[in-house]
Protein backbone atom coordinates (compact mmCIF):
# COMPACT_ATOMS: atom_id res chain seq x y z
CA MET A 1 0.10 -0.03 -0.04
CA SER A 2 1.31 3.61 -1.01
CA GLN A 3 2.24 6.04 1.88
CA GLY A 4 -0.22 8.86 1.15
CA ILE A 5 -3.40 10.63 2.60
CA GLY A 6 -4.67 9.03 5.30
CA PHE A 7 -8.41 7.74 5.39
CA PRO A 8 -9.51 10.17 8.49
CA GLU A 9 -8.06 12.92 5.89
CA PHE A 10 -9.53 11.40 3.30
CA VAL A 11 -12.96 11.76 4.84
CA TRP A 12 -12.62 14.89 6.15
CA VAL A 13 -11.59 16.46 2.56
CA TRP A 14 -14.82 14.55 1.17
CA ASN A 15 -16.79 16.21 3.63
CA HIS A 16 -15.34 19.55 3.27
CA LYS A 17 -15.77 19.43 -0.62
CA LEU A 18 -19.95 18.76 0.06
CA GLY A 19 -19.50 21.56 2.21
CA GLN A 20 -20.14 19.05 5.32
CA SER A 21 -18.79 18.81 9.09
CA THR A 22 -17.41 15.34 9.76
CA PRO A 23 -19.28 13.78 12.95
CA PRO A 24 -17.38 12.50 15.55
CA HIS A 25 -18.60 9.09 15.19
CA HIS A 26 -17.79 9.00 11.48
CA LEU A 27 -14.44 10.04 12.78
CA ARG A 28 -14.32 7.33 15.43
CA MET A 29 -14.78 4.69 12.55
CA ALA A 30 -12.52 6.28 10.15
CA ARG A 31 -9.76 6.10 12.46
CA TRP A 32 -10.52 2.49 13.66
CA LEU A 33 -10.75 1.26 9.81
CA ALA A 34 -7.41 3.14 9.01
CA ARG A 35 -5.58 1.54 12.30
CA LYS A 36 -6.82 -1.87 11.53
CA TYR A 37 -5.87 -1.80 7.75
CA LYS A 38 -2.55 -0.31 8.58
CA SER A 39 -1.83 -3.30 11.38
CA HIS A 40 -2.63 -6.17 9.02
CA HIS A 41 -6.03 -6.82 11.33
CA ARG A 42 -7.64 -8.46 8.36
CA GLU A 43 -11.09 -9.89 9.93
CA LEU A 44 -13.52 -6.76 10.94
CA LEU A 45 -16.99 -6.50 12.55
CA LEU A 46 -18.32 -2.66 12.08
CA MET A 47 -21.82 -2.13 13.74
CA ALA A 48 -23.53 1.20 14.07
CA PHE A 49 -27.12 2.27 14.61
CA ARG A 50 -29.34 2.59 11.66
CA ASN A 51 -28.95 5.33 9.81
CA SER A 52 -25.50 6.64 11.28
CA GLY A 53 -23.83 6.70 7.78
CA LYS A 54 -21.56 3.53 7.96
CA SER A 55 -22.07 2.38 4.38
CA THR A 56 -20.81 6.14 3.52
CA ILE A 57 -17.82 5.82 5.40
CA VAL A 58 -17.37 2.09 3.77
CA GLY A 59 -17.48 3.29 0.72
CA LEU A 60 -15.34 6.04 0.87
CA PHE A 61 -12.83 3.55 2.92
CA CYS A 62 -13.21 1.66 -0.67
CA ALA A 63 -12.29 4.75 -2.99
CA TRP A 64 -9.33 5.21 -0.31
CA ALA A 65 -8.18 1.89 -0.67
CA LEU A 66 -7.77 2.02 -4.45
CA LEU A 67 -6.12 5.18 -4.10
CA CYS A 68 -3.81 3.83 -2.01
CA ASP A 69 -3.32 0.70 -4.28
CA PRO A 70 -5.34 0.25 -7.48
CA ASN A 71 -4.48 -3.26 -8.18
CA LEU A 72 -7.11 -3.91 -5.40
CA ARG A 73 -10.15 -6.08 -6.38
CA ILE A 74 -12.93 -5.52 -4.10
CA ILE A 75 -16.26 -7.51 -3.99
CA ILE A 76 -19.74 -6.28 -2.05
CA LEU A 77 -21.80 -9.19 -0.64
CA ALA A 78 -25.11 -7.62 0.37
CA ALA A 79 -28.48 -9.48 1.35
CA ASP A 80 -29.97 -8.38 -2.46
CA PHE A 81 -27.95 -7.30 -5.26
CA ALA A 82 -29.93 -3.92 -5.50
CA LEU A 83 -28.37 -3.20 -2.29
CA ALA A 84 -25.01 -4.24 -3.00
CA LYS A 85 -25.41 -1.91 -6.29
CA LYS A 86 -25.82 0.85 -4.36
CA MET A 87 -22.58 0.59 -2.33
CA VAL A 88 -20.77 0.43 -6.13
CA ARG A 89 -22.57 3.26 -7.14
CA ASN A 90 -21.78 5.16 -4.03
CA VAL A 91 -18.04 4.19 -4.42
CA LYS A 92 -18.11 5.35 -8.69
CA ARG A 93 -19.66 8.70 -7.33
CA ILE A 94 -16.64 9.19 -4.74
CA ILE A 95 -14.28 8.43 -7.22
CA GLU A 96 -15.51 10.77 -10.15
CA ARG A 97 -15.67 14.17 -7.68
CA HIS A 98 -12.99 13.18 -4.84
CA PRO A 99 -10.39 15.42 -5.55
CA LEU A 100 -7.70 13.11 -4.65
CA THR A 101 -9.01 10.10 -7.12
CA GLN A 102 -9.31 11.91 -10.39
CA GLY A 103 -6.54 9.47 -12.02
CA LEU A 104 -8.90 6.54 -11.17
CA LYS A 105 -11.60 6.78 -13.21
CA PRO A 106 -10.80 4.93 -16.43
CA LYS A 107 -11.64 6.26 -20.13
CA ARG A 108 -13.35 2.89 -21.38
CA ARG A 109 -17.00 3.25 -20.58
CA ASP A 110 -17.26 -0.63 -20.28
CA HIS A 111 -14.94 -0.10 -17.47
CA TRP A 112 -17.30 2.02 -15.63
CA ALA A 113 -20.84 -0.30 -15.43
CA SER A 114 -23.35 0.31 -12.50
CA ASP A 115 -22.38 -3.11 -10.66
CA GLN A 116 -18.74 -3.29 -11.39
CA PHE A 117 -16.34 -1.21 -12.32
CA THR A 118 -12.48 -1.25 -13.12
CA VAL A 119 -10.06 1.51 -12.10
CA ASN A 120 -6.84 3.06 -14.06
CA ARG A 121 -4.40 0.50 -12.64
CA PRO A 122 -1.13 -0.93 -13.91
CA GLY A 123 -1.71 -4.28 -13.63
CA GLU A 124 -3.85 -6.73 -15.74
CA LEU A 125 -6.14 -8.57 -13.66
CA ARG A 126 -9.28 -10.53 -14.95
CA ASP A 127 -11.49 -9.42 -12.13
CA PRO A 128 -12.70 -5.94 -11.87
CA SER A 129 -11.55 -3.29 -9.41
CA MET A 130 -14.79 -3.51 -7.61
CA VAL A 131 -18.00 -5.71 -7.85
CA ALA A 132 -21.55 -6.17 -6.36
CA LYS A 133 -23.30 -9.42 -6.03
CA GLY A 134 -25.92 -10.32 -4.03
CA ILE A 135 -25.84 -13.23 -0.99
CA GLY A 136 -27.40 -15.63 -3.21
CA ALA A 137 -25.02 -15.43 -6.51
CA ASN A 138 -22.03 -17.54 -7.19
CA ILE A 139 -19.30 -16.19 -6.30
CA THR A 140 -17.04 -19.57 -6.96
CA GLY A 141 -13.80 -18.63 -9.23
CA SER A 142 -13.82 -14.84 -8.14
CA ARG A 143 -10.62 -13.57 -6.32
CA ALA A 144 -10.13 -10.47 -3.93
CA GLU A 145 -8.16 -8.99 -1.91
CA ILE A 146 -10.99 -7.09 0.18
CA VAL A 147 -14.36 -8.41 0.59
CA ILE A 148 -17.11 -6.49 2.62
CA CYS A 149 -20.50 -8.11 3.70
CA ASP A 150 -22.81 -5.14 3.63
CA ASP A 151 -25.73 -5.66 5.58
CA VAL A 152 -25.91 -9.27 4.66
CA GLU A 153 -28.34 -9.98 7.64
CA VAL A 154 -32.05 -8.53 7.13
CA PRO A 155 -34.96 -10.11 8.13
CA ASN A 156 -35.56 -11.91 4.74
CA THR A 157 -31.98 -13.90 5.24
CA CYS A 158 -32.39 -14.70 9.15
CA ASP A 159 -36.06 -14.92 10.34
CA SER A 160 -36.25 -18.62 10.52
CA ALA A 161 -33.63 -21.44 11.40
CA PRO A 162 -33.05 -22.30 7.79
CA LYS A 163 -32.21 -19.14 6.29
CA ARG A 164 -29.87 -18.66 9.16
CA GLN A 165 -28.07 -21.66 8.57
CA ASP A 166 -28.03 -20.86 4.67
CA LEU A 167 -26.68 -17.68 5.29
CA ARG A 168 -23.84 -18.58 7.27
CA GLU A 169 -23.11 -21.42 4.56
CA ARG A 170 -22.78 -18.91 2.09
CA LEU A 171 -20.98 -16.29 3.84
CA GLY A 172 -18.44 -19.63 4.58
CA GLU A 173 -17.50 -19.24 0.69
CA ILE A 174 -15.48 -16.21 1.28
CA GLU A 175 -12.68 -18.16 2.74
CA TYR A 176 -12.16 -19.45 -0.97
CA VAL A 177 -12.44 -16.54 -2.65
CA LEU A 178 -9.92 -13.91 -0.45
CA VAL A 179 -6.45 -14.25 -1.23
CA PRO A 180 -4.17 -14.79 1.55
CA GLY A 181 -4.38 -11.92 3.72
CA GLY A 182 -6.85 -10.75 2.14
CA LEU A 183 -9.63 -8.41 4.49
CA GLN A 184 -13.21 -9.38 5.36
CA LEU A 185 -15.18 -6.89 6.54
CA TYR A 186 -18.72 -7.31 7.94
CA VAL A 187 -21.08 -4.27 8.37
CA GLY A 188 -24.63 -4.32 9.62
CA THR A 189 -27.12 -4.37 12.52
CA PRO A 190 -28.22 -7.53 13.87
CA HIS A 191 -31.87 -8.72 13.21
CA SER A 192 -32.38 -11.77 15.60
CA PHE A 193 -30.95 -13.22 18.67
CA TYR A 194 -29.23 -15.88 16.78
CA THR A 195 -27.47 -13.11 14.61
CA ILE A 196 -24.25 -13.66 13.14
CA TYR A 197 -22.85 -10.74 14.73
CA ALA A 198 -23.38 -11.76 18.30
CA SER A 199 -20.69 -11.94 20.56
CA GLN A 200 -21.31 -15.18 22.65
CA PRO A 201 -22.21 -18.71 21.02
CA ARG A 202 -26.01 -19.74 21.11
CA LEU A 203 -25.88 -23.02 22.58
CA GLU A 204 -29.42 -23.78 21.52
CA ALA A 205 -28.46 -22.88 18.11
CA GLY A 206 -25.82 -25.72 18.32
CA GLU A 207 -23.01 -23.10 18.48
CA GLU A 208 -19.67 -23.63 20.34
CA ARG A 209 -18.34 -20.40 19.27
CA PRO A 210 -19.60 -17.23 17.52
CA PHE A 211 -20.02 -17.36 13.96
CA LEU A 212 -17.38 -14.37 13.82
CA ASP A 213 -15.51 -15.76 16.58
CA GLY A 214 -11.63 -13.45 16.60
CA PHE A 215 -12.93 -10.46 14.15
CA HIS A 216 -12.28 -7.24 15.67
CA ARG A 217 -15.51 -5.40 16.51
CA LEU A 218 -16.27 -1.74 16.53
CA GLU A 219 -19.84 -1.44 18.06
CA LEU A 220 -21.34 2.41 17.90
CA PRO A 221 -25.23 2.47 19.55
CA LEU A 222 -27.31 5.37 19.51
CA LEU A 223 -27.08 5.89 22.93
CA ASP A 224 -23.92 5.69 25.26
CA LYS A 225 -24.17 4.14 28.97
CA ASN A 226 -25.06 7.78 30.03
CA GLY A 227 -28.31 8.08 27.24
CA ALA A 228 -26.62 10.53 25.61
CA SER A 229 -26.97 10.76 21.84
CA ALA A 230 -23.89 9.49 19.49
CA TRP A 231 -25.38 11.68 16.96
CA PRO A 232 -27.03 14.97 18.53
CA GLU A 233 -28.02 16.92 15.72
CA ARG A 234 -29.73 14.52 13.91
CA PHE A 235 -30.78 12.15 16.77
CA PRO A 236 -32.46 15.03 19.52
CA ALA A 237 -33.97 13.21 22.77
CA ASP A 238 -37.33 13.68 21.14
CA LYS A 239 -36.93 12.14 17.92
CA ILE A 240 -35.12 8.89 19.56
CA ALA A 241 -38.34 8.85 21.77
CA GLY A 242 -40.42 8.82 18.67
CA ILE A 243 -38.25 5.94 16.91
CA ARG A 244 -38.77 4.07 20.08
CA ARG A 245 -42.61 4.77 20.57
CA ARG A 246 -42.99 3.76 16.95
CA THR A 247 -41.18 0.68 16.14
CA GLY A 248 -41.18 -1.01 19.42
CA PRO A 249 -38.60 -1.48 21.90
CA ASN A 250 -37.27 -4.80 20.44
CA LYS A 251 -36.61 -3.11 17.13
CA PHE A 252 -35.05 0.02 19.04
CA ASP A 253 -33.08 -2.09 20.79
CA SER A 254 -31.85 -4.09 17.99
CA GLN A 255 -31.62 -1.57 14.84
CA MET A 256 -30.70 1.14 17.44
CA MET A 257 -28.78 0.08 20.42
CA LEU A 258 -27.47 -3.14 18.72
CA MET A 259 -28.57 -5.65 20.94
CA PRO A 260 -29.31 -9.11 19.62
CA VAL A 261 -33.09 -9.53 20.09
CA ASN A 262 -35.60 -10.71 17.93
CA ILE A 263 -37.47 -7.66 16.17
CA ALA A 264 -40.99 -9.50 16.53
CA ASP A 265 -41.90 -8.88 20.22
CA GLY A 266 -42.25 -12.65 21.22
CA ARG A 267 -44.42 -13.78 23.92
CA LEU A 268 -42.05 -16.20 25.87
CA ASP A 269 -38.76 -14.22 27.31
CA PRO A 270 -36.26 -17.23 27.85
CA ASP A 271 -33.76 -14.60 29.57
CA ARG A 272 -36.52 -15.38 32.65
CA LEU A 273 -35.33 -19.03 32.97
CA ARG A 274 -32.61 -20.17 35.30
CA LEU A 275 -29.50 -22.11 34.08
CA TYR A 276 -28.17 -25.16 36.11
CA GLN A 277 -25.86 -27.99 35.48
CA ALA A 278 -26.34 -30.48 38.35
CA ASP A 279 -27.47 -33.77 37.34
CA LEU A 280 -29.84 -35.79 39.14
CA VAL A 281 -28.86 -37.77 42.29
CA TYR A 282 -30.71 -40.56 43.83
CA ALA A 283 -29.41 -41.79 47.25
CA GLU A 284 -30.81 -43.99 50.34
CA GLY A 285 -30.32 -43.14 53.73
CA ASN A 286 -32.34 -44.86 56.47
CA GLY A 287 -34.23 -46.96 54.11
CA LEU A 288 -35.73 -44.32 52.10
CA PRO A 289 -34.73 -43.18 48.87
CA VAL A 290 -34.18 -39.46 48.20
CA LEU A 291 -33.91 -37.86 44.85
CA SER A 292 -32.47 -34.32 44.60
CA LEU A 293 -31.54 -31.82 42.28
CA ASP A 294 -28.36 -29.03 43.05
CA ASP A 295 -29.13 -29.71 46.67
CA LYS A 296 -32.89 -29.54 46.31
CA ARG A 297 -35.02 -32.21 47.42
CA LEU A 298 -37.59 -32.86 44.63
CA VAL A 299 -41.20 -34.24 45.72
CA SER A 300 -42.59 -34.75 42.20
CA ALA A 301 -42.16 -34.84 38.33
CA SER A 302 -44.09 -34.67 35.36
CA CYS A 303 -43.58 -35.88 32.13
CA TRP A 304 -45.15 -35.45 29.03
CA TRP A 305 -44.74 -36.81 25.39
CA ASP A 306 -46.00 -35.24 22.06
CA PRO A 307 -45.31 -38.27 19.74
CA ALA A 308 -45.07 -36.98 15.88
CA TYR A 309 -43.64 -39.50 13.05
CA GLY A 310 -42.76 -38.66 9.55
CA ALA A 311 -38.88 -38.87 8.34
CA PRO A 312 -36.40 -37.12 10.51
CA GLY A 313 -36.22 -33.45 9.92
CA LYS A 314 -39.81 -32.87 7.87
CA GLY A 315 -42.82 -32.27 9.85
CA ASP A 316 -43.54 -32.18 13.66
CA ALA A 317 -40.92 -33.24 15.75
CA SER A 318 -41.87 -35.97 18.23
CA VAL A 319 -40.78 -34.36 21.68
CA VAL A 320 -40.77 -36.16 25.39
CA ALA A 321 -40.00 -33.45 28.10
CA ALA A 322 -39.37 -34.11 32.02
CA LEU A 323 -39.75 -31.59 34.76
CA PHE A 324 -39.66 -31.70 38.74
CA THR A 325 -40.70 -29.58 41.71
CA ASP A 326 -39.14 -28.94 44.77
CA GLN A 327 -40.01 -28.71 48.46
CA ASP A 328 -39.94 -25.05 48.02
CA GLY A 329 -42.32 -25.15 44.89
CA GLY A 330 -39.42 -24.34 42.27
CA TYR A 331 -39.54 -25.81 38.67
CA TRP A 332 -36.83 -27.72 37.38
CA LEU A 333 -36.92 -28.32 33.86
CA HIS A 334 -34.20 -31.51 33.56
CA ARG A 335 -34.90 -32.59 29.91
CA VAL A 336 -36.14 -31.95 26.62
CA HIS A 337 -35.50 -34.89 24.17
CA TYR A 338 -36.70 -34.23 20.18
CA LEU A 339 -37.03 -38.50 19.56
CA THR A 340 -35.55 -39.57 15.93
CA HIS A 341 -36.14 -42.84 14.28
CA ASP A 342 -34.63 -44.80 11.59
CA PRO A 343 -37.71 -45.25 8.53
CA ALA A 344 -35.79 -47.30 6.42
CA ARG A 345 -34.93 -49.61 9.03
CA ALA A 346 -36.97 -52.95 8.00
CA ASP A 347 -36.55 -55.02 11.83
CA GLU A 348 -38.32 -52.16 13.60
CA ASP A 349 -41.07 -49.90 12.96
CA GLU A 350 -41.00 -46.23 13.96
CA ALA A 351 -43.53 -46.27 16.55
CA THR A 352 -41.37 -48.74 18.19
CA GLN A 353 -38.01 -47.00 17.49
CA LEU A 354 -39.97 -44.02 19.48
CA CYS A 355 -41.41 -46.03 22.39
CA ARG A 356 -38.05 -47.46 23.31
CA GLN A 357 -36.76 -44.42 23.17
CA VAL A 358 -39.16 -43.14 25.29
CA ALA A 359 -38.84 -45.78 27.99
CA GLY A 360 -34.94 -45.27 28.27
CA PHE A 361 -35.95 -41.64 28.80
CA VAL A 362 -38.30 -42.26 31.68
CA GLN A 363 -35.90 -45.01 33.64
CA ASP A 364 -32.87 -43.07 33.24
CA LEU A 365 -34.72 -39.82 34.85
CA HIS A 366 -36.89 -42.06 37.66
CA LEU A 367 -40.03 -40.92 36.42
CA PRO A 368 -42.80 -42.25 37.65
CA SER A 369 -45.32 -41.62 35.07
CA ILE A 370 -45.51 -40.17 31.62
CA CYS A 371 -48.62 -38.45 30.16
CA LEU A 372 -49.10 -39.32 26.58
CA GLU A 373 -51.07 -37.12 24.20
CA THR A 374 -53.20 -38.98 22.55
CA ASN A 375 -54.36 -36.55 19.57
CA GLY A 376 -53.84 -37.99 16.40
CA LEU A 377 -51.36 -40.88 15.92
CA GLY A 378 -50.56 -40.85 19.89
CA ARG A 379 -53.59 -42.87 20.46
CA PHE A 380 -51.82 -46.49 18.99
CA LEU A 381 -49.21 -45.43 21.18
CA PRO A 382 -49.90 -46.22 24.86
CA GLY A 383 -49.86 -50.03 24.84
CA LEU A 384 -46.92 -50.58 22.58
CA LEU A 385 -45.17 -48.05 25.65
CA ARG A 386 -46.38 -50.08 27.96
CA ARG A 387 -45.03 -53.31 26.38
CA GLU A 388 -41.15 -51.51 26.22
CA LEU A 389 -41.86 -50.58 29.99
CA ALA A 390 -42.59 -53.87 30.75
CA LYS A 391 -39.85 -55.15 28.90
CA ALA A 392 -37.57 -53.17 30.38
CA GLY A 393 -38.99 -54.15 34.11
CA TYR A 394 -39.58 -50.57 34.94
CA PRO A 395 -42.95 -49.83 36.69
CA CYS A 396 -44.18 -46.69 35.24
CA ALA A 397 -47.86 -45.34 34.68
CA VAL A 398 -48.61 -44.38 31.37
CA VAL A 399 -51.75 -41.82 31.29
CA GLU A 400 -53.66 -41.15 28.20
CA VAL A 401 -54.21 -37.09 27.98
CA ALA A 402 -56.40 -35.88 25.16
CA SER A 403 -55.71 -32.19 24.71
CA ARG A 404 -58.70 -30.13 23.84
CA LYS A 405 -57.65 -26.20 24.45
CA ALA A 406 -55.98 -24.56 21.42
CA LYS A 407 -51.95 -25.23 21.46
CA ASP A 408 -51.20 -21.28 21.67
CA GLN A 409 -53.55 -20.83 25.03
CA ARG A 410 -52.34 -24.08 26.19
CA ILE A 411 -48.68 -22.36 25.91
CA ILE A 412 -49.52 -19.41 27.26
CA ASP A 413 -51.19 -20.70 30.47
CA ALA A 414 -48.39 -22.95 31.01
CA PHE A 415 -45.50 -20.46 30.58
CA ASP A 416 -46.86 -16.98 31.71
CA ALA A 417 -47.01 -17.47 35.64
CA VAL A 418 -43.91 -19.34 36.14
CA LEU A 419 -41.61 -17.22 33.81
CA ALA A 420 -42.94 -14.08 35.54
CA ALA A 421 -42.12 -15.57 38.73
CA GLY A 422 -38.67 -16.64 37.45
CA ALA A 423 -39.53 -20.06 38.77
CA LEU A 424 -38.33 -22.26 36.02
CA SER A 425 -34.67 -23.63 36.00
CA VAL A 426 -33.39 -25.21 32.99
CA HIS A 427 -30.94 -28.21 32.71
CA ARG A 428 -27.90 -26.43 30.56
CA SER A 429 -28.61 -29.74 28.26
CA VAL A 430 -32.06 -28.39 27.16
CA TRP A 431 -30.17 -25.25 25.75
CA ALA A 432 -28.43 -27.40 23.08
CA THR A 433 -31.80 -28.50 21.91
CA PRO A 434 -34.42 -26.37 19.86
CA PHE A 435 -36.17 -25.46 22.66
CA VAL A 436 -35.08 -22.12 23.91
CA ALA A 437 -35.09 -21.09 19.96
CA GLU A 438 -38.71 -22.31 20.08
CA MET A 439 -39.25 -20.04 23.43
CA ARG A 440 -37.39 -16.54 21.67
CA GLU A 441 -39.11 -17.09 18.31
CA TRP A 442 -42.72 -18.18 19.23
CA GLN A 443 -45.60 -15.81 18.83
CA PRO A 444 -49.61 -16.38 19.37
CA GLY A 445 -51.12 -17.75 16.07
CA GLY A 446 -46.93 -17.49 14.30
CA LYS A 447 -45.67 -20.60 12.20
CA CYS A 448 -42.75 -20.99 13.80
CA ARG A 449 -42.08 -24.70 15.23
CA ASP A 450 -43.52 -25.22 18.79
CA ASP A 451 -43.19 -28.99 19.26
CA GLY A 452 -40.99 -28.65 22.28
CA LEU A 453 -42.93 -26.05 23.72
CA ASP A 454 -46.03 -27.77 23.55
CA ALA A 455 -44.49 -30.69 25.75
CA VAL A 456 -42.93 -28.68 28.14
CA ALA A 457 -46.37 -27.22 28.33
CA GLY A 458 -47.87 -30.32 29.06
CA CYS A 459 -45.48 -30.83 32.04
CA LEU A 460 -46.19 -27.61 33.41
CA LEU A 461 -49.98 -27.68 33.55
CA ALA A 462 -49.97 -31.71 34.26
CA GLN A 463 -50.62 -32.48 38.11
CA PRO A 464 -47.49 -33.65 39.46
CA VAL A 465 -47.54 -37.44 40.06
CA ARG A 466 -45.66 -38.64 43.49
CA LEU A 467 -46.04 -42.11 42.23
CA GLY A 468 -42.60 -44.23 43.71
CA ARG A 469 -39.36 -44.53 41.80
CA PRO A 470 -38.53 -48.16 41.18
CA GLY A 471 -35.37 -49.61 42.19
CA GLY A 472 -35.04 -52.70 39.90
CA LYS A 473 -38.19 -55.18 39.12
CA LEU A 474 -41.70 -54.48 39.59
CA ALA A 475 -42.36 -55.64 42.59
CA GLU A 476 -39.21 -53.78 44.11
CA ARG A 477 -40.16 -49.88 44.30
CA ALA A 478 -38.27 -47.25 45.84
CA ASP A 479 -40.22 -44.59 46.56
CA TRP A 480 -38.10 -40.84 46.45
CA ARG A 481 -41.14 -38.86 47.28
CA PRO A 482 -41.32 -37.88 51.09
CA GLY A 483 -43.55 -40.44 52.62
CA GLY A 484 -44.20 -42.11 49.86
CA GLY A 485 -43.62 -45.68 51.13
CA ASN A 486 -45.71 -47.93 53.22
CA LEU A 487 -45.80 -47.52 56.93
CA ARG A 488 -46.51 -49.98 59.59
CA ALA A 489 -47.92 -48.46 62.86
CA VAL A 490 -48.37 -50.14 66.33
CA THR A 491 -51.93 -49.50 68.06
CA GLU A 492 -53.17 -50.62 71.29
CA PHE A 493 -56.58 -51.00 70.28
CA GLU A 494 -58.66 -53.65 68.20
CA VAL A 495 -60.33 -53.46 65.08
């Protein structure tokens, strides 16, 4: 890179030509980009509030980078092609009008198209200086020193789990486009709790580390920790209050404060859940069995199976959940298991495979009973489940339940009070399932998945059962509930 004018000065010259000042947060962005680029930091994330002018700064950065090295090749990726073209047009405008870039514009009109252009450069390279691509475009075969992901995450690319997965897979192709030592720059705002910009992994989404782990970050929310506006001339207090009122708290927090939340106001808030990692402890003292969690003695349990068939990964999920209550009235959601089966197996039908898994589930958790929702296909399963439990030598009551209330209302009735009281503790293993994502995205009447929610709602609404936990065979029941065993009393009278 040639040693010329610095990027902050490049921005100042541009603003001076336009007869406008340079806001402090623009100068902060420019200094950060220049410092990271000069230090050869090649993985960058710039997040700034909506309408902050971040795309303008990034466009100026592209023009400045081409001024420093005309042989650079830059790819602009955006959620759609039109948005990427807008960035390319902005950079073309800067090159045409900036006092320091007059020598970059080529003479040939075919090098100056609306979606790509090639500046005057000494090298003969196949790829243009700058090209616009939508996130769905094929970039295989392209090469670039800089790839800028400008608002690749928007509602249309992140409002469902499959779309979020597809976005991540497409962004993974960048590694095969960048030359060694190339720069990746992400620019945007979060549109989902499961945003690609998250600083912490989402365990319930299967993440072990954040998608942009290791990226150098600059975050510029609209309001600082003292509530002061980052751009008071354009966003005074009354305008900020109006934006918050019109858009709602979730969208304001997401787009203006850069907080990873769902833009749609969800009814269930998983942030009210209490996380724990303790395992069940079964012990016997003075001949009495005791089941405990995190030093809390458990007094009852409920288990609910919401069955479903179909090929794995398609249609409704078959979910079984187990919930315990302690002597202080606390709820402990210990397991939520999304059952799978192999439809290709010729030696065992799907229903038997599912029932065998459920039998193992209740046995492992010392459950005294299980409620089986018999709506639809579930009416054929109670007999099969009792057969598998008998084969395992485990005495567990199978309670057949037909749900008559609408699913949405059942979920609301189950979760509202317990979440408001902060009384629901959830084992870490549950966070590795789709259950928490279902909570975060669920809305009454929506089309989001809710199979795990339905099973846990059944546990919460079911009357806790205080039947005993079997210690071995059917006739050898060890009852872990307080006062659950037989008692022989000596009397002084005759009956």
